[in-house]
């Protein structure tokens, strides 16, 4: 029984840690050249060299009613502002095949301020925007720690359940007799 509960809570912890918080805008509807750009980010820093700094770029033609050519691509570059280091750079990929919504993930290897540069190139010309973000580590506990934190509650519930079953079996519950 204990093993089944432990496995159940471990699986729940895996699912609970899948979300790392909502992205937020760092550039909103900024016109440059033939494009209007918006940039959203979820700048998570990691120690395990995974690219957790996520960037979504929305590209629209500056001319109302015009369509965005499929060959339009953006490139996201980041550099640490609080210490020397290499620039990270990634070409975006269209989200669900839509060239107006693009995504890139970059490595942010420490907490702190990063400069973000987004450059767009396509048949309509070029455009770019700059912003700053503050990278932080994901502050939720790891899956293992969620299991450790929940274990005392599971054990107390297990002991309480056993006590209630024992009382029921031996008839030592609160019985009132009428005289």
Protein backbone atom coordinates (compact mmCIF):
# COMPACT_ATOMS: atom_id res chain seq x y z
CA UNK A 1 0.00 0.00 0.00
CA UNK A 2 2.78 2.43 0.94
CA UNK A 3 4.65 1.68 -2.26
CA UNK A 4 1.55 2.30 -4.38
CA UNK A 5 0.95 5.65 -2.70
CA UNK A 6 4.60 6.64 -3.11
CA UNK A 7 4.50 5.79 -6.82
CA UNK A 8 1.21 7.67 -7.22
CA UNK A 9 2.62 10.84 -5.64
CA UNK A 10 5.86 10.54 -7.60
CA UNK A 11 3.90 10.38 -10.87
CA UNK A 12 1.79 13.36 -9.79
CA UNK A 13 4.99 15.31 -9.02
CA UNK A 14 6.34 14.60 -12.51
CA UNK A 15 3.17 16.03 -14.05
CA UNK A 16 3.12 19.02 -11.66
CA UNK A 17 6.63 20.13 -12.62
CA UNK A 18 5.87 20.18 -16.35
CA UNK A 19 4.75 23.81 -16.28
CA UNK A 20 7.29 26.56 -15.59
CA UNK A 21 5.11 29.63 -15.48
CA UNK A 22 3.56 31.91 -18.03
CA UNK A 23 5.59 33.88 -20.56
CA UNK A 24 5.35 37.67 -20.52
CA UNK A 25 5.83 40.39 -23.18
CA UNK A 26 9.11 42.32 -23.44
CA UNK A 27 8.25 44.05 -26.74
CA UNK A 28 4.66 44.79 -27.78
CA UNK A 29 3.61 45.78 -31.29
CA UNK A 30 6.74 47.72 -32.18
CA UNK A 31 6.87 48.83 -35.82
CA UNK A 32 10.25 48.66 -37.58
CA UNK A 33 10.67 48.64 -41.34
CA UNK A 34 7.94 46.62 -43.01
CA UNK A 35 7.06 44.65 -39.86
CA UNK A 36 5.31 45.02 -36.52
CA UNK A 37 7.04 42.85 -33.89
CA UNK A 38 6.12 41.50 -30.49
CA UNK A 39 8.39 39.37 -28.31
CA UNK A 40 7.27 37.24 -25.38
CA UNK A 41 9.65 35.36 -23.12
CA UNK A 42 9.96 32.85 -20.30
CA UNK A 43 13.61 33.44 -19.30
CA UNK A 44 14.51 30.48 -17.09
CA UNK A 45 18.17 29.95 -16.18
CA UNK A 46 19.51 26.39 -15.91
CA UNK A 47 22.67 24.71 -14.66
CA UNK A 48 22.29 21.58 -16.77
CA UNK A 49 23.01 23.30 -20.13
CA UNK A 50 19.45 22.90 -21.43
CA UNK A 51 18.10 25.85 -23.40
CA UNK A 52 15.34 26.97 -21.02
CA UNK A 53 15.25 30.64 -22.07
CA UNK A 54 12.21 30.57 -24.35
CA UNK A 55 11.27 33.34 -26.79
CA UNK A 56 8.14 33.72 -28.94
CA UNK A 57 8.27 36.26 -31.76
CA UNK A 58 5.09 37.51 -33.42
CA UNK A 59 5.65 39.11 -36.83
CA UNK A 60 3.00 41.03 -38.77
CA UNK A 61 3.32 43.14 -41.91
CA UNK A 62 3.21 46.89 -41.17
CA UNK A 63 0.75 47.36 -44.05
CA UNK A 64 -2.76 46.47 -42.92
CA UNK A 65 -4.29 43.61 -44.89
CA UNK A 66 -0.94 42.41 -46.31
CA UNK A 67 0.11 38.80 -45.83
CA UNK A 68 3.39 37.67 -44.33
CA UNK A 69 5.61 35.72 -46.76
CA UNK A 70 6.44 32.19 -45.51
CA UNK A 71 10.19 32.82 -46.01
CA UNK A 72 10.20 35.41 -43.19
CA UNK A 73 12.48 34.31 -40.33
CA UNK A 74 13.67 35.82 -37.08
CA UNK A 75 16.88 35.33 -35.17
CA UNK A 76 17.04 35.78 -31.39
CA UNK A 77 20.35 36.69 -29.76
CA UNK A 78 21.02 37.09 -26.03
CA UNK A 79 24.05 38.26 -24.09
CA UNK A 80 24.63 38.60 -20.38
CA UNK A 81 24.67 42.24 -19.24
CA UNK A 82 26.06 41.57 -15.77
CA UNK A 83 29.22 39.67 -16.74
CA UNK A 84 31.34 38.94 -19.78
CA UNK A 85 30.39 35.95 -21.85
CA UNK A 86 29.52 34.62 -25.26
CA UNK A 87 26.41 35.65 -27.11
CA UNK A 88 23.75 32.99 -27.56
CA UNK A 89 21.98 32.96 -30.90
CA UNK A 90 19.19 30.89 -32.42
CA UNK A 91 17.10 31.05 -35.58
CA UNK A 92 13.41 30.77 -34.82
CA UNK A 93 11.08 28.07 -36.10
CA UNK A 94 7.51 28.70 -37.18
CA UNK A 95 4.94 27.54 -34.63
CA UNK A 96 2.46 25.14 -36.29
CA UNK A 97 3.75 26.21 -39.71
CA UNK A 98 2.58 29.82 -39.19
CA UNK A 99 5.36 32.29 -40.16
CA UNK A 100 3.73 35.03 -38.08
CA UNK A 101 4.38 33.07 -34.85
CA UNK A 102 7.93 31.88 -34.27
CA UNK A 103 9.80 30.26 -31.37
CA UNK A 104 13.41 29.90 -30.21
CA UNK A 105 15.00 28.47 -27.05
CA UNK A 106 18.40 29.63 -25.78
CA UNK A 107 20.70 28.69 -22.93
CA UNK A 108 20.67 31.12 -20.01
CA UNK A 109 23.37 29.69 -17.76
CA UNK A 110 22.97 32.02 -14.78
CA UNK A 111 20.52 34.35 -13.10
CA UNK A 112 20.78 37.98 -14.06
CA UNK A 113 20.07 40.54 -16.74
CA UNK A 114 20.32 39.62 -20.42
CA UNK A 115 20.10 41.83 -23.47
CA UNK A 116 17.82 40.43 -26.16
CA UNK A 117 18.13 41.31 -29.84
CA UNK A 118 15.58 40.02 -32.35
CA UNK A 119 16.36 40.48 -36.06
CA UNK A 120 13.84 39.68 -38.78
CA UNK A 121 14.69 39.03 -42.42
CA UNK A 122 12.29 38.27 -45.22
CA UNK A 123 11.01 39.29 -48.64
CA UNK A 124 9.52 42.48 -47.13
CA UNK A 125 12.91 43.61 -45.77
CA UNK A 126 14.59 43.62 -42.36
CA UNK A 127 13.63 44.76 -38.89
CA UNK A 128 15.00 44.47 -35.38
CA UNK A 129 14.06 45.16 -31.77
CA UNK A 130 16.01 45.16 -28.52
CA UNK A 131 14.91 44.42 -24.97
CA UNK A 132 16.21 43.29 -21.58
CA UNK A 133 15.06 40.34 -19.49
CA UNK A 134 15.86 39.09 -16.01
CA UNK A 135 16.64 35.36 -16.02
CA UNK A 136 15.82 33.43 -12.86
CA UNK A 137 15.92 29.79 -11.88
CA UNK A 138 12.60 28.01 -11.83
CA UNK A 139 11.72 28.37 -8.15
CA UNK A 140 9.48 25.36 -7.80
CA UNK A 141 10.95 22.41 -5.94
CA UNK A 142 12.22 19.46 -7.91
CA UNK A 143 10.04 16.36 -8.35
CA UNK A 144 12.02 14.53 -5.71
CA UNK A 145 11.49 17.31 -3.18
CA UNK A 146 7.73 17.36 -3.83
CA UNK A 147 7.63 13.67 -2.92
CA UNK A 148 9.74 14.32 0.20
CA UNK A 149 7.47 17.23 1.24
CA UNK A 150 4.29 15.16 0.76
CA UNK A 151 5.54 11.99 2.48
CA UNK A 152 4.77 13.09 6.09
CA UNK A 153 1.17 13.88 5.13
CA UNK A 154 0.77 10.57 3.35
CA UNK A 155 2.20 8.68 6.33
CA UNK A 156 -0.07 10.52 8.83
CA UNK A 157 -3.07 9.74 6.61
CA UNK A 158 -2.02 6.09 6.41
CA UNK A 159 -1.64 5.78 10.22
CA UNK A 160 -4.95 7.58 10.82
CA UNK A 161 -6.71 5.27 8.33
CA UNK A 162 -5.28 2.20 10.08
CA UNK A 163 -6.46 3.57 13.44
CA UNK A 164 -9.99 4.15 12.13
CA UNK A 165 -10.13 0.64 10.67
CA UNK A 166 -8.84 -0.86 13.92
CA UNK A 167 -11.47 1.00 15.95
CA UNK A 168 -14.21 -0.16 13.62
CA UNK A 169 -13.06 -3.79 13.78
CA UNK A 170 -12.84 -3.85 17.58
CA UNK A 171 -15.98 -1.81 18.17
CA UNK A 172 -14.22 0.81 20.29
CA UNK A 173 -15.82 3.71 18.48
CA UNK A 174 -18.12 6.21 20.16
CA UNK A 175 -21.26 4.17 20.89
CA UNK A 176 -24.06 5.53 22.92
CA UNK A 177 -26.25 3.18 24.80
CA UNK A 178 -29.79 3.97 25.71
CA UNK A 179 -31.01 2.99 29.14
